């Protein structure tokens, strides 16, 4: 019933910025937090940032100080990425965490940072 769609990925030079968007649809009443994950080729999935319904945020050490997660409303999640580095290159996934039901994943959006 919950569907997530990421957008905003692309190719950017090192030091540049991108803003990822996640648009949610369906029944979101059981969602208590949302997250951004990423996975680079040859590496395991990594939690990038998360935000609770109350607005509490957490970031991985790799992106802390450079990325900002925000949620405008129940339907729109964002990840502002500044000072991008080549090691940020990955597929980025939006995730909704729901009570009882579990987690729902988006299809992902590719972010490529060139040197």
C-alpha atoms as a PDB file:
ATOM      1  CA  UNK A   1       0.000   0.000   0.000  1.00  0.00           C
ATOM      2  CA  UNK A   2       2.962   2.339   0.592  1.00  0.00           C
ATOM      3  CA  UNK A   3       4.949   3.325  -2.470  1.00  0.00           C
ATOM      4  CA  UNK A   4       8.174   5.325  -2.572  1.00  0.00           C
ATOM      5  CA  UNK A   5       9.705   7.075  -5.572  1.00  0.00           C
ATOM      6  CA  UNK A   6      13.171   8.656  -5.491  1.00  0.00           C
ATOM      7  CA  UNK A   7      14.356  11.390  -7.815  1.00  0.00           C
ATOM      8  CA  UNK A   8      17.133  13.953  -8.088  1.00  0.00           C
ATOM      9  CA  UNK A   9      20.114  11.720  -8.730  1.00  0.00           C
ATOM     10  CA  UNK A  10      22.583  12.384 -11.485  1.00  0.00           C
ATOM     11  CA  UNK A  11      26.163  13.189 -12.378  1.00  0.00           C
ATOM     12  CA  UNK A  12      27.939  15.938 -10.481  1.00  0.00           C
ATOM     13  CA  UNK A  13      31.530  17.068 -10.042  1.00  0.00           C
ATOM     14  CA  UNK A  14      33.332  16.687  -6.737  1.00  0.00           C
ATOM     15  CA  UNK A  15      32.479  19.556  -4.429  1.00  0.00           C
ATOM     16  CA  UNK A  16      29.071  20.028  -5.987  1.00  0.00           C
ATOM     17  CA  UNK A  17      25.598  19.491  -4.585  1.00  0.00           C
ATOM     18  CA  UNK A  18      22.512  17.421  -5.260  1.00  0.00           C
ATOM     19  CA  UNK A  19      19.113  17.258  -3.609  1.00  0.00           C
ATOM     20  CA  UNK A  20      17.386  13.897  -3.571  1.00  0.00           C
ATOM     21  CA  UNK A  21      13.629  13.689  -3.189  1.00  0.00           C
ATOM     22  CA  UNK A  22      11.432  10.834  -2.066  1.00  0.00           C
ATOM     23  CA  UNK A  23       7.720  11.035  -2.730  1.00  0.00           C
ATOM     24  CA  UNK A  24       5.500   8.696  -0.758  1.00  0.00           C
ATOM     25  CA  UNK A  25       1.991   7.568  -1.549  1.00  0.00           C
ATOM     26  CA  UNK A  26      -0.527   5.225  -0.012  1.00  0.00           C
ATOM     27  CA  UNK A  27      -1.299   4.638   3.642  1.00  0.00           C
ATOM     28  CA  UNK A  28       1.476   6.205   5.734  1.00  0.00           C
ATOM     29  CA  UNK A  29      -0.174   6.189   9.160  1.00  0.00           C
ATOM     30  CA  UNK A  30       2.030   3.347  10.447  1.00  0.00           C
ATOM     31  CA  UNK A  31       5.296   5.019   9.396  1.00  0.00           C
ATOM     32  CA  UNK A  32       7.417   6.106  12.366  1.00  0.00           C
ATOM     33  CA  UNK A  33      10.688   6.962  10.608  1.00  0.00           C
ATOM     34  CA  UNK A  34      12.242   7.292   7.178  1.00  0.00           C
ATOM     35  CA  UNK A  35      15.807   6.743   6.026  1.00  0.00           C
ATOM     36  CA  UNK A  36      18.199   7.079   3.140  1.00  0.00           C
ATOM     37  CA  UNK A  37      20.476   4.126   2.383  1.00  0.00           C
ATOM     38  CA  UNK A  38      23.093   3.747  -0.310  1.00  0.00           C
ATOM     39  CA  UNK A  39      24.976   0.918  -1.948  1.00  0.00           C
ATOM     40  CA  UNK A  40      28.112   1.248  -4.037  1.00  0.00           C
ATOM     41  CA  UNK A  41      29.399  -1.482  -6.367  1.00  0.00           C
ATOM     42  CA  UNK A  42      31.236  -4.166  -4.423  1.00  0.00           C
ATOM     43  CA  UNK A  43      30.121  -2.814  -1.059  1.00  0.00           C
ATOM     44  CA  UNK A  44      27.307  -3.672   1.308  1.00  0.00           C
ATOM     45  CA  UNK A  45      24.317  -1.438   1.896  1.00  0.00           C
ATOM     46  CA  UNK A  46      25.013   1.533   4.157  1.00  0.00           C
ATOM     47  CA  UNK A  47      22.661   3.641   6.235  1.00  0.00           C
ATOM     48  CA  UNK A  48      23.194   7.286   5.319  1.00  0.00           C
ATOM     49  CA  UNK A  49      20.641   9.212   7.365  1.00  0.00           C
ATOM     50  CA  UNK A  50      17.339   8.745   9.164  1.00  0.00           C
ATOM     51  CA  UNK A  51      14.603  10.940  10.566  1.00  0.00           C
ATOM     52  CA  UNK A  52      11.780  10.103  12.960  1.00  0.00           C
ATOM     53  CA  UNK A  53       8.267  11.482  12.925  1.00  0.00           C
ATOM     54  CA  UNK A  54       9.319  13.699  15.823  1.00  0.00           C
ATOM     55  CA  UNK A  55      12.144  15.204  13.784  1.00  0.00           C
ATOM     56  CA  UNK A  56      15.139  13.471  15.381  1.00  0.00           C
ATOM     57  CA  UNK A  57      17.917  12.836  12.868  1.00  0.00           C
ATOM     58  CA  UNK A  58      20.941  10.560  12.657  1.00  0.00           C
ATOM     59  CA  UNK A  59      23.782  10.466  10.142  1.00  0.00           C
ATOM     60  CA  UNK A  60      26.575   8.120   9.265  1.00  0.00           C
ATOM     61  CA  UNK A  61      30.053   9.400  10.045  1.00  0.00           C
ATOM     62  CA  UNK A  62      30.856   9.394   6.339  1.00  0.00           C
ATOM     63  CA  UNK A  63      28.269  12.074   5.542  1.00  0.00           C
ATOM     64  CA  UNK A  64      27.911  13.959   8.816  1.00  0.00           C
ATOM     65  CA  UNK A  65      28.302  17.680   8.268  1.00  0.00           C
ATOM     66  CA  UNK A  66      27.766  17.401   4.516  1.00  0.00           C
ATOM     67  CA  UNK A  67      24.310  15.842   4.134  1.00  0.00           C
ATOM     68  CA  UNK A  68      21.000  16.985   5.608  1.00  0.00           C
ATOM     69  CA  UNK A  69      17.859  14.880   5.815  1.00  0.00           C
ATOM     70  CA  UNK A  70      14.517  16.648   6.099  1.00  0.00           C
ATOM     71  CA  UNK A  71      10.833  15.900   5.836  1.00  0.00           C
ATOM     72  CA  UNK A  72       8.455  18.602   4.686  1.00  0.00           C
ATOM     73  CA  UNK A  73       5.357  16.532   5.431  1.00  0.00           C
ATOM     74  CA  UNK A  74       4.178  12.943   5.451  1.00  0.00           C
ATOM     75  CA  UNK A  75       4.555  12.716   1.690  1.00  0.00           C
ATOM     76  CA  UNK A  76       7.929  14.322   0.925  1.00  0.00           C
ATOM     77  CA  UNK A  77      11.400  13.376   2.169  1.00  0.00           C
ATOM     78  CA  UNK A  78      14.636  15.047   1.077  1.00  0.00           C
ATOM     79  CA  UNK A  79      18.373  14.536   1.275  1.00  0.00           C
ATOM     80  CA  UNK A  80      20.458  17.639   0.652  1.00  0.00           C
ATOM     81  CA  UNK A  81      23.968  16.563  -0.328  1.00  0.00           C
ATOM     82  CA  UNK A  82      26.735  19.166  -0.289  1.00  0.00           C
ATOM     83  CA  UNK A  83      30.499  18.935  -0.762  1.00  0.00           C
ATOM     84  CA  UNK A  84      30.089  15.689  -2.651  1.00  0.00           C
ATOM     85  CA  UNK A  85      33.027  13.320  -2.948  1.00  0.00           C
ATOM     86  CA  UNK A  86      33.713  10.516  -5.428  1.00  0.00           C
ATOM     87  CA  UNK A  87      33.214   7.999  -2.610  1.00  0.00           C
ATOM     88  CA  UNK A  88      29.592   9.170  -2.356  1.00  0.00           C
ATOM     89  CA  UNK A  89      28.913   7.481  -5.686  1.00  0.00           C
ATOM     90  CA  UNK A  90      26.186   4.895  -5.119  1.00  0.00           C
ATOM     91  CA  UNK A  91      22.557   4.034  -5.653  1.00  0.00           C
ATOM     92  CA  UNK A  92      20.541   5.857  -3.014  1.00  0.00           C
ATOM     93  CA  UNK A  93      17.365   4.307  -1.611  1.00  0.00           C
ATOM     94  CA  UNK A  94      14.483   5.833   0.304  1.00  0.00           C
ATOM     95  CA  UNK A  95      13.066   3.644   3.073  1.00  0.00           C
ATOM     96  CA  UNK A  96       9.908   3.939   5.153  1.00  0.00           C
ATOM     97  CA  UNK A  97       9.887   2.135   8.494  1.00  0.00           C
ATOM     98  CA  UNK A  98       6.459   1.012   9.640  1.00  0.00           C
ATOM     99  CA  UNK A  99       5.130  -0.444  12.862  1.00  0.00           C
ATOM    100  CA  UNK A 100       4.245  -4.144  12.551  1.00  0.00           C
ATOM    101  CA  UNK A 101       4.478  -4.169   8.749  1.00  0.00           C
ATOM    102  CA  UNK A 102       8.231  -3.601   8.381  1.00  0.00           C
ATOM    103  CA  UNK A 103      10.236  -1.523   5.935  1.00  0.00           C
ATOM    104  CA  UNK A 104       9.312  -0.403   2.440  1.00  0.00           C
ATOM    105  CA  UNK A 105      11.988   0.443  -0.131  1.00  0.00           C
ATOM    106  CA  UNK A 106      12.035   2.687  -3.150  1.00  0.00           C
ATOM    107  CA  UNK A 107      13.613   1.688  -6.444  1.00  0.00           C
ATOM    108  CA  UNK A 108      16.686   3.849  -5.953  1.00  0.00           C
ATOM    109  CA  UNK A 109      18.341   6.723  -7.777  1.00  0.00           C
ATOM    110  CA  UNK A 110      21.916   6.773  -9.069  1.00  0.00           C
ATOM    111  CA  UNK A 111      24.341   9.394  -7.782  1.00  0.00           C
ATOM    112  CA  UNK A 112      27.690   9.648  -9.543  1.00  0.00           C
ATOM    113  CA  UNK A 113      30.389  12.054  -8.383  1.00  0.00           C
ATOM    114  CA  UNK A 114      33.316  12.662 -10.699  1.00  0.00           C
ATOM    115  CA  UNK A 115      36.723  13.937  -9.665  1.00  0.00           C
END
